[in-house]
C-alpha atoms as a PDB file:
ATOM      1  CA  MET A   1     -24.162  -3.240 217.113  1.00  0.00           C
ATOM      2  CA  ASN A   2     -23.363  -1.444 220.341  1.00  0.00           C
ATOM      3  CA  PRO A   3     -19.553  -1.102 220.638  1.00  0.00           C
ATOM      4  CA  LEU A   4     -19.836  -0.874 224.393  1.00  0.00           C
ATOM      5  CA  THR A   5     -21.485  -4.262 224.716  1.00  0.00           C
ATOM      6  CA  GLU A   6     -20.119  -6.088 221.662  1.00  0.00           C
ATOM      7  CA  PRO A   7     -16.306  -6.285 221.799  1.00  0.00           C
ATOM      8  CA  SER A   8     -14.490  -5.938 218.492  1.00  0.00           C
ATOM      9  CA  ASN A   9     -12.361  -8.722 217.022  1.00  0.00           C
ATOM     10  CA  ASN A  10      -9.231  -6.802 217.975  1.00  0.00           C
ATOM     11  CA  ILE A  11     -10.289  -6.622 221.647  1.00  0.00           C
ATOM     12  CA  ALA A  12     -11.242 -10.289 221.593  1.00  0.00           C
ATOM     13  CA  ARG A  13      -7.812 -11.204 220.270  1.00  0.00           C
ATOM     14  CA  GLN A  14      -6.141  -9.123 222.971  1.00  0.00           C
ATOM     15  CA  SER A  15      -8.057 -11.033 225.636  1.00  0.00           C
ATOM     16  CA  THR A  16      -6.773 -14.291 224.127  1.00  0.00           C
ATOM     17  CA  PHE A  17      -3.206 -13.026 223.883  1.00  0.00           C
ATOM     18  CA  PRO A  18      -2.776 -10.388 226.614  1.00  0.00           C
ATOM     19  CA  PHE A  19       0.798  -9.502 225.568  1.00  0.00           C
ATOM     20  CA  VAL A  20       0.554  -8.830 221.852  1.00  0.00           C
ATOM     21  CA  ILE A  21       2.479  -6.600 219.474  1.00  0.00           C
ATOM     22  CA  PRO A  22      -0.012  -5.341 216.877  1.00  0.00           C
ATOM     23  CA  SER A  23       1.968  -5.672 213.659  1.00  0.00           C
ATOM     24  CA  ILE A  24       1.611  -3.120 210.889  1.00  0.00           C
ATOM     25  CA  ILE A  25       2.866  -5.525 208.223  1.00  0.00           C
ATOM     26  CA  ILE A  26       0.838  -8.728 207.974  1.00  0.00           C
ATOM     27  CA  GLU A  27       1.794 -11.575 205.632  1.00  0.00           C
ATOM     28  CA  GLY A  28      -0.015 -11.230 202.336  1.00  0.00           C
ATOM     29  CA  ASN A  29      -0.765  -7.552 202.932  1.00  0.00           C
ATOM     30  CA  ALA A  30       1.099  -5.010 200.798  1.00  0.00           C
ATOM     31  CA  LYS A  31       0.552  -2.270 203.354  1.00  0.00           C
ATOM     32  CA  TYR A  32       3.706  -0.749 204.850  1.00  0.00           C
ATOM     33  CA  PRO A  33       3.973   1.581 207.808  1.00  0.00           C
ATOM     34  CA  PRO A  34       4.495   5.221 206.803  1.00  0.00           C
ATOM     35  CA  PHE A  35       8.128   5.758 205.851  1.00  0.00           C
ATOM     36  CA  PHE A  36       8.626   8.535 208.422  1.00  0.00           C
ATOM     37  CA  ASP A  37       7.180   6.332 211.179  1.00  0.00           C
ATOM     38  CA  ALA A  38       9.486   3.441 210.275  1.00  0.00           C
ATOM     39  CA  CYS A  39      12.564   5.687 210.447  1.00  0.00           C
ATOM     40  CA  ILE A  40      11.639   7.135 213.851  1.00  0.00           C
ATOM     41  CA  ALA A  41      10.638   3.729 215.256  1.00  0.00           C
ATOM     42  CA  GLY A  42      13.884   2.201 213.992  1.00  0.00           C
ATOM     43  CA  GLY A  43      15.983   4.942 215.563  1.00  0.00           C
ATOM     44  CA  ILE A  44      14.212   4.588 218.910  1.00  0.00           C
ATOM     45  CA  GLY A  45      14.318   0.789 218.833  1.00  0.00           C
ATOM     46  CA  GLY A  46      17.967   0.544 217.821  1.00  0.00           C
ATOM     47  CA  SER A  47      19.292   3.152 220.247  1.00  0.00           C
ATOM     48  CA  THR A  48      17.202   1.791 223.132  1.00  0.00           C
ATOM     49  CA  ALA A  49      18.576  -1.705 222.555  1.00  0.00           C
ATOM     50  CA  ASP A  50      22.153  -0.385 222.312  1.00  0.00           C
ATOM     51  CA  PHE A  51      21.785   1.475 225.607  1.00  0.00           C
ATOM     52  CA  VAL A  52      20.208  -1.439 227.470  1.00  0.00           C
ATOM     53  CA  MET A  53      22.903  -3.882 226.307  1.00  0.00           C
ATOM     54  CA  HIS A  54      25.905  -1.529 226.587  1.00  0.00           C
ATOM     55  CA  SER A  55      27.330  -3.162 229.706  1.00  0.00           C
ATOM     56  CA  VAL A  56      27.496  -6.556 227.972  1.00  0.00           C
ATOM     57  CA  ASP A  57      29.196  -4.909 225.004  1.00  0.00           C
ATOM     58  CA  THR A  58      31.797  -3.469 227.409  1.00  0.00           C
ATOM     59  CA  VAL A  59      32.531  -6.939 228.779  1.00  0.00           C
ATOM     60  CA  LYS A  60      32.892  -8.279 225.230  1.00  0.00           C
ATOM     61  CA  THR A  61      35.293  -5.450 224.366  1.00  0.00           C
ATOM     62  CA  ARG A  62      37.456  -6.150 227.432  1.00  0.00           C
ATOM     63  CA  LEU A  63      37.586  -9.873 226.648  1.00  0.00           C
ATOM     64  CA  GLN A  64      38.536  -9.231 223.031  1.00  0.00           C
ATOM     65  CA  GLY A  65      40.860  -6.298 223.661  1.00  0.00           C
ATOM     66  CA  GLN A  66      42.995  -7.521 226.570  1.00  0.00           C
ATOM     67  CA  PRO A  67      46.586  -7.980 225.309  1.00  0.00           C
ATOM     68  CA  TYR A  68      47.505 -11.547 224.413  1.00  0.00           C
ATOM     69  CA  ASN A  69      51.093 -11.106 225.641  1.00  0.00           C
ATOM     70  CA  ARG A  70      50.054 -10.297 229.229  1.00  0.00           C
ATOM     71  CA  VAL A  71      48.366 -12.292 231.955  1.00  0.00           C
ATOM     72  CA  GLN A  72      44.691 -12.561 230.985  1.00  0.00           C
ATOM     73  CA  LYS A  73      42.687 -10.703 233.623  1.00  0.00           C
ATOM     74  CA  TYR A  74      39.289 -11.713 232.275  1.00  0.00           C
ATOM     75  CA  SER A  75      38.526 -15.371 231.665  1.00  0.00           C
ATOM     76  CA  SER A  76      34.774 -15.453 231.036  1.00  0.00           C
ATOM     77  CA  MET A  77      31.761 -13.226 230.558  1.00  0.00           C
ATOM     78  CA  VAL A  78      30.369 -13.681 234.080  1.00  0.00           C
ATOM     79  CA  GLN A  79      33.779 -13.316 235.761  1.00  0.00           C
ATOM     80  CA  ALA A  80      34.556 -10.164 233.744  1.00  0.00           C
ATOM     81  CA  TYR A  81      31.144  -8.625 234.424  1.00  0.00           C
ATOM     82  CA  LYS A  82      31.461  -9.158 238.181  1.00  0.00           C
ATOM     83  CA  LEU A  83      35.059  -7.932 238.327  1.00  0.00           C
ATOM     84  CA  ILE A  84      34.434  -4.752 236.309  1.00  0.00           C
ATOM     85  CA  TYR A  85      31.377  -3.977 238.435  1.00  0.00           C
ATOM     86  CA  LYS A  86      33.294  -4.574 241.679  1.00  0.00           C
ATOM     87  CA  GLN A  87      36.395  -2.580 240.769  1.00  0.00           C
ATOM     88  CA  GLU A  88      35.033   0.178 238.514  1.00  0.00           C
ATOM     89  CA  GLY A  89      31.306   0.431 239.131  1.00  0.00           C
ATOM     90  CA  VAL A  90      28.473   0.881 236.647  1.00  0.00           C
ATOM     91  CA  MET A  91      28.710   4.260 234.917  1.00  0.00           C
ATOM     92  CA  ARG A  92      32.524   4.491 234.753  1.00  0.00           C
ATOM     93  CA  GLY A  93      33.067   0.777 234.316  1.00  0.00           C
ATOM     94  CA  LEU A  94      30.325  -1.249 232.687  1.00  0.00           C
ATOM     95  CA  TYR A  95      28.831   1.818 230.984  1.00  0.00           C
ATOM     96  CA  ALA A  96      32.095   3.468 229.999  1.00  0.00           C
ATOM     97  CA  GLY A  97      31.821   4.859 226.473  1.00  0.00           C
ATOM     98  CA  VAL A  98      28.033   5.065 226.519  1.00  0.00           C
ATOM     99  CA  SER A  99      28.043   8.750 225.449  1.00  0.00           C
ATOM    100  CA  PRO A 100      29.750   8.244 222.053  1.00  0.00           C
ATOM    101  CA  ALA A 101      27.718   5.051 221.649  1.00  0.00           C
ATOM    102  CA  MET A 102      24.440   6.998 221.876  1.00  0.00           C
ATOM    103  CA  ILE A 103      25.775   9.902 219.791  1.00  0.00           C
ATOM    104  CA  GLY A 104      26.375   7.439 216.978  1.00  0.00           C
ATOM    105  CA  SER A 105      23.478   5.062 217.619  1.00  0.00           C
ATOM    106  CA  ILE A 106      20.527   7.469 217.431  1.00  0.00           C
ATOM    107  CA  PRO A 107      21.283   9.046 214.026  1.00  0.00           C
ATOM    108  CA  GLY A 108      23.003   5.883 212.756  1.00  0.00           C
ATOM    109  CA  THR A 109      20.070   3.538 213.372  1.00  0.00           C
ATOM    110  CA  THR A 110      17.594   6.117 212.076  1.00  0.00           C
ATOM    111  CA  LEU A 111      19.553   6.431 208.829  1.00  0.00           C
ATOM    112  CA  TYR A 112      19.940   2.649 208.650  1.00  0.00           C
ATOM    113  CA  PHE A 113      16.178   2.046 208.835  1.00  0.00           C
ATOM    114  CA  ALA A 114      15.540   4.831 206.325  1.00  0.00           C
ATOM    115  CA  VAL A 115      17.812   3.239 203.714  1.00  0.00           C
ATOM    116  CA  TYR A 116      16.638  -0.278 204.624  1.00  0.00           C
ATOM    117  CA  GLU A 117      12.939   0.521 204.268  1.00  0.00           C
ATOM    118  CA  PHE A 118      13.404   2.521 201.064  1.00  0.00           C
ATOM    119  CA  THR A 119      15.524  -0.201 199.437  1.00  0.00           C
ATOM    120  CA  LYS A 120      13.315  -3.061 200.602  1.00  0.00           C
ATOM    121  CA  ARG A 121      10.102  -1.447 199.389  1.00  0.00           C
ATOM    122  CA  THR A 122      11.633  -0.448 196.058  1.00  0.00           C
ATOM    123  CA  LEU A 123      12.977  -3.952 195.374  1.00  0.00           C
ATOM    124  CA  ASN A 124       9.771  -5.655 196.523  1.00  0.00           C
ATOM    125  CA  GLU A 125       7.754  -3.532 194.112  1.00  0.00           C
ATOM    126  CA  THR A 126      10.003  -4.699 191.247  1.00  0.00           C
ATOM    127  CA  ASN A 127       9.318  -8.374 192.101  1.00  0.00           C
ATOM    128  CA  VAL A 128      12.799  -9.077 193.475  1.00  0.00           C
ATOM    129  CA  PRO A 129      12.765 -12.175 195.740  1.00  0.00           C
ATOM    130  CA  GLU A 130      12.211 -11.153 199.355  1.00  0.00           C
ATOM    131  CA  VAL A 131      15.416 -12.755 200.654  1.00  0.00           C
ATOM    132  CA  ILE A 132      17.460 -10.839 198.083  1.00  0.00           C
ATOM    133  CA  SER A 133      15.696  -7.571 198.862  1.00  0.00           C
ATOM    134  CA  HIS A 134      16.282  -8.022 202.606  1.00  0.00           C
ATOM    135  CA  LEU A 135      19.967  -8.870 202.137  1.00  0.00           C
ATOM    136  CA  THR A 136      20.483  -5.944 199.780  1.00  0.00           C
ATOM    137  CA  ALA A 137      18.544  -3.488 201.937  1.00  0.00           C
ATOM    138  CA  GLY A 138      20.484  -4.494 205.049  1.00  0.00           C
ATOM    139  CA  SER A 139      23.810  -4.148 203.263  1.00  0.00           C
ATOM    140  CA  LEU A 140      23.059  -0.708 201.811  1.00  0.00           C
ATOM    141  CA  GLY A 141      21.643   0.477 205.127  1.00  0.00           C
ATOM    142  CA  ASP A 142      24.865  -0.414 206.925  1.00  0.00           C
ATOM    143  CA  LEU A 143      27.048   1.185 204.255  1.00  0.00           C
ATOM    144  CA  ALA A 144      25.149   4.457 204.573  1.00  0.00           C
ATOM    145  CA  ALA A 145      25.092   4.476 208.389  1.00  0.00           C
ATOM    146  CA  SER A 146      28.757   3.463 208.726  1.00  0.00           C
ATOM    147  CA  VAL A 147      29.923   7.033 208.082  1.00  0.00           C
ATOM    148  CA  ILE A 148      28.177   8.001 211.330  1.00  0.00           C
ATOM    149  CA  TYR A 149      28.698   5.028 213.600  1.00  0.00           C
ATOM    150  CA  VAL A 150      32.292   4.008 212.787  1.00  0.00           C
ATOM    151  CA  PRO A 151      33.875   7.093 214.439  1.00  0.00           C
ATOM    152  CA  SER A 152      31.557   6.651 217.423  1.00  0.00           C
ATOM    153  CA  GLU A 153      32.574   2.965 217.559  1.00  0.00           C
ATOM    154  CA  VAL A 154      36.262   3.934 217.730  1.00  0.00           C
ATOM    155  CA  LEU A 155      35.609   6.327 220.627  1.00  0.00           C
ATOM    156  CA  LYS A 156      33.270   3.877 222.346  1.00  0.00           C
ATOM    157  CA  THR A 157      35.611   0.878 222.196  1.00  0.00           C
ATOM    158  CA  ARG A 158      38.614   2.856 223.425  1.00  0.00           C
ATOM    159  CA  LEU A 159      36.662   4.289 226.365  1.00  0.00           C
ATOM    160  CA  GLN A 160      35.229   0.847 227.139  1.00  0.00           C
ATOM    161  CA  LEU A 161      38.703  -0.655 227.132  1.00  0.00           C
ATOM    162  CA  GLN A 162      40.053   2.171 229.283  1.00  0.00           C
ATOM    163  CA  GLY A 163      37.240   2.335 231.816  1.00  0.00           C
ATOM    164  CA  LYS A 164      37.315   5.307 234.155  1.00  0.00           C
ATOM    165  CA  TYR A 165      39.934   8.063 234.001  1.00  0.00           C
ATOM    166  CA  ASN A 166      43.179   7.128 235.815  1.00  0.00           C
ATOM    167  CA  ASN A 167      41.939   3.548 235.961  1.00  0.00           C
ATOM    168  CA  PRO A 168      44.334   1.471 238.117  1.00  0.00           C
ATOM    169  CA  HIS A 169      42.482  -1.790 237.461  1.00  0.00           C
ATOM    170  CA  PHE A 170      43.134  -2.275 233.736  1.00  0.00           C
ATOM    171  CA  VAL A 171      46.076  -1.209 231.555  1.00  0.00           C
ATOM    172  CA  SER A 172      44.655  -0.216 228.173  1.00  0.00           C
ATOM    173  CA  GLY A 173      47.208   2.315 226.972  1.00  0.00           C
ATOM    174  CA  TYR A 174      44.557   5.047 227.055  1.00  0.00           C
ATOM    175  CA  ASN A 175      43.645   7.656 229.670  1.00  0.00           C
ATOM    176  CA  TYR A 176      40.978   9.994 228.315  1.00  0.00           C
ATOM    177  CA  LYS A 177      39.027  12.379 230.535  1.00  0.00           C
ATOM    178  CA  SER A 178      35.917  12.460 228.358  1.00  0.00           C
ATOM    179  CA  THR A 179      34.560  11.762 224.883  1.00  0.00           C
ATOM    180  CA  TRP A 180      35.657  15.180 223.642  1.00  0.00           C
ATOM    181  CA  HIS A 181      39.120  14.778 225.190  1.00  0.00           C
ATOM    182  CA  ALA A 182      39.435  11.370 223.522  1.00  0.00           C
ATOM    183  CA  THR A 183      38.463  12.854 220.158  1.00  0.00           C
ATOM    184  CA  LYS A 184      41.050  15.638 220.444  1.00  0.00           C
ATOM    185  CA  MET A 185      43.837  13.284 221.549  1.00  0.00           C
ATOM    186  CA  ILE A 186      43.147  10.757 218.774  1.00  0.00           C
ATOM    187  CA  VAL A 187      43.145  13.442 216.077  1.00  0.00           C
ATOM    188  CA  LYS A 188      46.219  15.157 217.563  1.00  0.00           C
ATOM    189  CA  TYR A 189      48.452  12.093 217.869  1.00  0.00           C
ATOM    190  CA  ASP A 190      47.063   9.649 215.282  1.00  0.00           C
ATOM    191  CA  GLY A 191      45.385  11.944 212.775  1.00  0.00           C
ATOM    192  CA  PHE A 192      41.740  12.333 211.723  1.00  0.00           C
ATOM    193  CA  GLY A 193      41.863   9.036 209.870  1.00  0.00           C
ATOM    194  CA  ALA A 194      42.285   7.215 213.193  1.00  0.00           C
ATOM    195  CA  LEU A 195      38.591   7.862 213.872  1.00  0.00           C
ATOM    196  CA  PHE A 196      37.927   5.452 211.005  1.00  0.00           C
ATOM    197  CA  HIS A 197      40.340   2.720 212.146  1.00  0.00           C
ATOM    198  CA  GLY A 198      38.793  -0.668 211.484  1.00  0.00           C
ATOM    199  CA  PHE A 199      36.367   0.804 208.934  1.00  0.00           C
ATOM    200  CA  ARG A 200      36.709  -2.141 206.571  1.00  0.00           C
ATOM    201  CA  ALA A 201      36.511  -4.625 209.432  1.00  0.00           C
ATOM    202  CA  THR A 202      33.377  -2.892 210.731  1.00  0.00           C
ATOM    203  CA  ILE A 203      31.772  -2.963 207.279  1.00  0.00           C
ATOM    204  CA  LEU A 204      32.741  -6.607 206.742  1.00  0.00           C
ATOM    205  CA  ARG A 205      31.253  -7.435 210.152  1.00  0.00           C
ATOM    206  CA  ASP A 206      28.082  -5.365 210.086  1.00  0.00           C
ATOM    207  CA  VAL A 207      27.009  -5.831 206.465  1.00  0.00           C
ATOM    208  CA  PRO A 208      26.725  -9.644 206.703  1.00  0.00           C
ATOM    209  CA  TYR A 209      25.453  -9.405 210.284  1.00  0.00           C
ATOM    210  CA  SER A 210      22.597  -7.062 209.390  1.00  0.00           C
ATOM    211  CA  ALA A 211      21.790  -9.028 206.255  1.00  0.00           C
ATOM    212  CA  ILE A 212      21.610 -12.315 208.189  1.00  0.00           C
ATOM    213  CA  GLN A 213      19.772 -10.728 211.116  1.00  0.00           C
ATOM    214  CA  PHE A 214      16.995  -9.102 209.088  1.00  0.00           C
ATOM    215  CA  ALA A 215      16.642 -11.986 206.624  1.00  0.00           C
ATOM    216  CA  CYS A 216      16.308 -14.482 209.496  1.00  0.00           C
ATOM    217  CA  TYR A 217      13.884 -12.246 211.385  1.00  0.00           C
ATOM    218  CA  GLU A 218      11.619 -11.859 208.363  1.00  0.00           C
ATOM    219  CA  GLN A 219      11.590 -15.634 207.803  1.00  0.00           C
ATOM    220  CA  PHE A 220      11.068 -16.497 211.482  1.00  0.00           C
ATOM    221  CA  LYS A 221       8.273 -13.929 211.663  1.00  0.00           C
ATOM    222  CA  LYS A 222       6.544 -15.525 208.671  1.00  0.00           C
ATOM    223  CA  ILE A 223       6.671 -18.907 210.379  1.00  0.00           C
ATOM    224  CA  ALA A 224       5.183 -17.390 213.544  1.00  0.00           C
ATOM    225  CA  GLN A 225       2.428 -15.631 211.579  1.00  0.00           C
ATOM    226  CA  ARG A 226       1.481 -18.891 209.860  1.00  0.00           C
ATOM    227  CA  LYS A 227       1.279 -20.587 213.251  1.00  0.00           C
ATOM    228  CA  TYR A 228      -1.096 -17.913 214.549  1.00  0.00           C
ATOM    229  CA  ASP A 229      -3.099 -17.780 211.278  1.00  0.00           C
ATOM    230  CA  GLY A 230      -2.243 -14.155 210.551  1.00  0.00           C
ATOM    231  CA  GLU A 231      -3.123 -12.997 214.063  1.00  0.00           C
ATOM    232  CA  ASN A 232      -0.907 -10.556 215.897  1.00  0.00           C
ATOM    233  CA  ILE A 233       2.156 -12.328 217.250  1.00  0.00           C
ATOM    234  CA  PRO A 234       2.474 -12.621 221.061  1.00  0.00           C
ATOM    235  CA  ILE A 235       5.288 -10.497 222.424  1.00  0.00           C
ATOM    236  CA  GLY A 236       7.128 -13.545 223.754  1.00  0.00           C
ATOM    237  CA  VAL A 237       7.197 -15.168 220.326  1.00  0.00           C
ATOM    238  CA  ASP A 238       8.320 -11.939 218.692  1.00  0.00           C
ATOM    239  CA  MET A 239      11.168 -11.646 221.197  1.00  0.00           C
ATOM    240  CA  ILE A 240      12.264 -15.208 220.414  1.00  0.00           C
ATOM    241  CA  THR A 241      12.283 -14.587 216.665  1.00  0.00           C
ATOM    242  CA  GLY A 242      14.335 -11.416 217.099  1.00  0.00           C
ATOM    243  CA  SER A 243      16.675 -13.098 219.565  1.00  0.00           C
ATOM    244  CA  LEU A 244      17.359 -16.078 217.295  1.00  0.00           C
ATOM    245  CA  ALA A 245      18.011 -13.806 214.324  1.00  0.00           C
ATOM    246  CA  GLY A 246      20.524 -11.759 216.307  1.00  0.00           C
ATOM    247  CA  ALA A 247      22.228 -14.815 217.799  1.00  0.00           C
ATOM    248  CA  ILE A 248      22.792 -16.463 214.421  1.00  0.00           C
ATOM    249  CA  GLY A 249      24.166 -13.299 212.854  1.00  0.00           C
ATOM    250  CA  GLY A 250      26.357 -12.568 215.873  1.00  0.00           C
ATOM    251  CA  ALA A 251      27.915 -16.029 216.048  1.00  0.00           C
ATOM    252  CA  VAL A 252      28.776 -16.181 212.346  1.00  0.00           C
ATOM    253  CA  THR A 253      30.460 -12.766 212.341  1.00  0.00           C
ATOM    254  CA  THR A 254      32.417 -13.086 215.628  1.00  0.00           C
ATOM    255  CA  PRO A 255      35.899 -13.371 213.979  1.00  0.00           C
ATOM    256  CA  LEU A 256      35.286 -10.097 212.139  1.00  0.00           C
ATOM    257  CA  ASP A 257      34.063  -8.493 215.362  1.00  0.00           C
ATOM    258  CA  VAL A 258      37.305  -9.544 217.095  1.00  0.00           C
ATOM    259  CA  MET A 259      39.389  -7.921 214.369  1.00  0.00           C
ATOM    260  CA  LYS A 260      37.228  -4.793 214.435  1.00  0.00           C
ATOM    261  CA  THR A 261      37.895  -4.384 218.150  1.00  0.00           C
ATOM    262  CA  LEU A 262      41.639  -5.024 217.849  1.00  0.00           C
ATOM    263  CA  LEU A 263      42.088  -2.671 214.895  1.00  0.00           C
ATOM    264  CA  GLN A 264      40.090   0.139 216.488  1.00  0.00           C
ATOM    265  CA  THR A 265      41.835  -0.056 219.862  1.00  0.00           C
ATOM    266  CA  GLN A 266      45.433  -0.582 218.769  1.00  0.00           C
ATOM    267  CA  GLN A 267      47.717   2.432 218.911  1.00  0.00           C
ATOM    268  CA  SER A 268      49.803   3.618 216.003  1.00  0.00           C
ATOM    269  CA  VAL A 269      53.425   2.480 215.893  1.00  0.00           C
ATOM    270  CA  LYS A 270      54.597   6.042 216.572  1.00  0.00           C
ATOM    271  CA  SER A 271      52.373   6.817 219.565  1.00  0.00           C
ATOM    272  CA  LYS A 272      53.193   5.815 223.123  1.00  0.00           C
ATOM    273  CA  PRO A 273      50.752   4.391 225.664  1.00  0.00           C
ATOM    274  CA  ILE A 274      49.023   7.002 227.826  1.00  0.00           C
ATOM    275  CA  LEU A 275      49.427   5.880 231.423  1.00  0.00           C
ATOM    276  CA  PRO A 276      47.230   6.925 234.366  1.00  0.00           C
ATOM    277  CA  THR A 277      48.522   9.884 236.360  1.00  0.00           C
ATOM    278  CA  GLY A 278      51.126   8.733 238.886  1.00  0.00           C
ATOM    279  CA  ALA A 279      51.562   5.313 237.275  1.00  0.00           C
ATOM    280  CA  LYS A 280      55.130   4.050 236.934  1.00  0.00           C
ATOM    281  CA  SER A 281      56.481   3.476 233.457  1.00  0.00           C
ATOM    282  CA  VAL A 282      57.321  -0.190 233.039  1.00  0.00           C
ATOM    283  CA  VAL A 283      58.834  -2.079 230.139  1.00  0.00           C
ATOM    284  CA  GLU A 284      56.030  -4.028 228.481  1.00  0.00           C
ATOM    285  CA  PRO A 285      56.571  -6.907 226.067  1.00  0.00           C
ATOM    286  CA  PRO A 286      55.989  -5.865 222.449  1.00  0.00           C
ATOM    287  CA  VAL A 287      52.373  -5.843 221.351  1.00  0.00           C
ATOM    288  CA  LYS A 288      51.429  -7.235 217.945  1.00  0.00           C
ATOM    289  CA  HIS A 289      50.480  -4.444 215.530  1.00  0.00           C
ATOM    290  CA  TYR A 290      48.001  -5.613 212.904  1.00  0.00           C
ATOM    291  CA  ASN A 291      48.387  -4.362 209.349  1.00  0.00           C
ATOM    292  CA  GLY A 292      44.873  -5.326 208.341  1.00  0.00           C
ATOM    293  CA  ILE A 293      42.010  -7.771 208.706  1.00  0.00           C
ATOM    294  CA  ILE A 294      43.669 -10.742 206.971  1.00  0.00           C
ATOM    295  CA  ASP A 295      46.978 -10.206 208.788  1.00  0.00           C
ATOM    296  CA  GLY A 296      45.173 -10.096 212.117  1.00  0.00           C
ATOM    297  CA  MET A 297      43.046 -13.182 211.494  1.00  0.00           C
ATOM    298  CA  ILE A 298      46.055 -15.221 210.335  1.00  0.00           C
ATOM    299  CA  TRP A 299      48.171 -14.142 213.316  1.00  0.00           C
ATOM    300  CA  ASN A 300      45.388 -14.890 215.822  1.00  0.00           C
ATOM    301  CA  TYR A 301      44.722 -18.295 214.284  1.00  0.00           C
ATOM    302  CA  LYS A 302      48.417 -19.257 214.269  1.00  0.00           C
ATOM    303  CA  ASN A 303      49.012 -18.132 217.861  1.00  0.00           C
ATOM    304  CA  GLN A 304      45.661 -18.864 219.514  1.00  0.00           C
ATOM    305  CA  GLY A 305      43.807 -21.196 217.164  1.00  0.00           C
ATOM    306  CA  PHE A 306      40.060 -20.943 216.672  1.00  0.00           C
ATOM    307  CA  ALA A 307      39.776 -19.659 220.254  1.00  0.00           C
ATOM    308  CA  GLY A 308      41.580 -16.505 219.148  1.00  0.00           C
ATOM    309  CA  LEU A 309      39.226 -15.954 216.227  1.00  0.00           C
ATOM    310  CA  PHE A 310      36.126 -16.522 218.348  1.00  0.00           C
ATOM    311  CA  ARG A 311      37.338 -14.672 221.442  1.00  0.00           C
ATOM    312  CA  GLY A 312      34.367 -13.180 223.294  1.00  0.00           C
ATOM    313  CA  ILE A 313      31.770 -15.181 221.348  1.00  0.00           C
ATOM    314  CA  GLY A 314      29.752 -15.759 224.536  1.00  0.00           C
ATOM    315  CA  PRO A 315      29.062 -12.106 225.380  1.00  0.00           C
ATOM    316  CA  ARG A 316      28.786 -11.238 221.672  1.00  0.00           C
ATOM    317  CA  VAL A 317      26.029 -13.765 220.997  1.00  0.00           C
ATOM    318  CA  PHE A 318      24.373 -12.846 224.306  1.00  0.00           C
ATOM    319  CA  TRP A 319      24.519  -9.177 223.298  1.00  0.00           C
ATOM    320  CA  THR A 320      23.367  -9.587 219.691  1.00  0.00           C
ATOM    321  CA  SER A 321      20.490 -11.895 220.633  1.00  0.00           C
ATOM    322  CA  LEU A 322      19.064  -9.650 223.354  1.00  0.00           C
ATOM    323  CA  GLN A 323      19.841  -6.444 221.465  1.00  0.00           C
ATOM    324  CA  SER A 324      18.007  -7.797 218.440  1.00  0.00           C
ATOM    325  CA  ALA A 325      15.019  -8.887 220.527  1.00  0.00           C
ATOM    326  CA  VAL A 326      14.740  -5.512 222.287  1.00  0.00           C
ATOM    327  CA  MET A 327      15.191  -3.579 219.042  1.00  0.00           C
ATOM    328  CA  PHE A 328      12.431  -5.382 217.123  1.00  0.00           C
ATOM    329  CA  VAL A 329      10.005  -5.336 220.065  1.00  0.00           C
ATOM    330  CA  VAL A 330      10.473  -1.596 220.662  1.00  0.00           C
ATOM    331  CA  TYR A 331      10.320  -0.975 216.894  1.00  0.00           C
ATOM    332  CA  GLU A 332       6.923  -2.698 216.601  1.00  0.00           C
ATOM    333  CA  GLN A 333       5.574  -1.023 219.732  1.00  0.00           C
ATOM    334  CA  VAL A 334       6.558   2.442 218.559  1.00  0.00           C
ATOM    335  CA  LEU A 335       4.975   1.771 215.142  1.00  0.00           C
ATOM    336  CA  HIS A 336       1.739   0.781 216.852  1.00  0.00           C
ATOM    337  CA  PHE A 337       1.860   3.882 219.059  1.00  0.00           C
ATOM    338  CA  GLN A 338       2.401   6.095 216.014  1.00  0.00           C
ATOM    339  CA  ALA A 339      -0.494   4.403 214.210  1.00  0.00           C
ATOM    340  CA  GLY A 340      -2.742   5.209 217.174  1.00  0.00           C
ATOM    341  CA  LEU A 341      -1.689   8.858 217.086  1.00  0.00           C
ATOM    342  CA  ARG A 342      -2.382   9.006 213.341  1.00  0.00           C
ATOM    343  CA  GLU A 343      -5.928   7.758 213.951  1.00  0.00           C
ATOM    344  CA  LYS A 344      -6.370  10.710 216.340  1.00  0.00           C
ATOM    345  CA  ASP A 345      -4.785  13.045 213.771  1.00  0.00           C
ATOM    346  CA  GLU A 346      -1.966  13.831 216.243  1.00  0.00           C
ATOM    347  CA  TRP A 347       0.932  12.432 214.198  1.00  0.00           C
ATOM    348  CA  PRO A 348       3.276  13.260 212.472  1.00  0.00           C
ATOM    349  CA  PRO A 349       4.520  16.230 214.538  1.00  0.00           C
ATOM    350  CA  THR A 350       3.379  18.665 211.851  1.00  0.00           C
ATOM    351  CA  LYS A 351      -0.214  17.663 212.611  1.00  0.00           C
ATOM    352  CA  ALA A 352       0.165  18.532 216.277  1.00  0.00           C
ATOM    353  CA  ALA A 353       1.952  21.779 215.374  1.00  0.00           C
ATOM    354  CA  GLU A 354      -0.977  22.889 213.213  1.00  0.00           C
ATOM    355  CA  ARG A 355      -3.101  23.236 216.345  1.00  0.00           C
ATOM    356  CA  PHE A 356      -0.820  25.929 217.684  1.00  0.00           C
ATOM    357  CA  VAL A 357      -0.419  27.856 214.455  1.00  0.00           C
END
């Protein structure tokens, strides 16, 4: 057979489905992508998705973090997005806090996928039901990565709530010049432990979220693979499966996300609000100080009802659905790219380095 005149089955499939993500893991096949490749692809996919969706996360943080005892400046996702863009711009407004977000996201997501893949493969080989292995792997992955991303979450949420330095458009109680300045001020006035404020709330939010997200994605992907008889899944379908998985997980865990934001952005009882330079000191009504997750959820429910518990659910679900879709699509694409390099003996990096040694 002449390969130039007789197209392979893979090429034929690509002509049928022009936008296809070649999947490394096919239903019924015990083959996994190389562990190193999965870790790198996961880190790239997760951090890329976090960066792309950061502006929506900022809007969610503003909606959740604006003080209940003051006039509510932001009323909806669209209104908040437009107003922040108009008054504060993109980089210092919508993308405020992106530096600590990326500092935590790149190593955090890489470590998460490393623990997830190792746990999932180990449990699958011991005949543990797939749903259980996915839930367990997602939970352990988050627990391991939390040591990295919780401090970055604290810095990110405070800078998102603050916006630009000397911001006259939103009173957050913070006025940091940079990520490093924020780190020094938090440690100086609130102690090193303040970098882990909301740790339990973050764990209680992210562990079930990741478990639901990955379990749903695996199940939705199986359904899609059965529909296409084991063929590679079109990119549009793969985006839908990832989006649905993220949306379900995000909606269910919204109350915990609200408490995570409030706990991480509240100041200690001893510290005073840091006002923008030149701003007049005014007497503000007392702000509720939460003693923990349960205390916060009870107080919000009593004073604001279910609306208080699900504050910012719109941008959260929007963020988790698109973030999940982007993450899984980039993850699969990077895996395919790495597989192509391995066929050429150009991956992992040690292979390429051997040529120069």
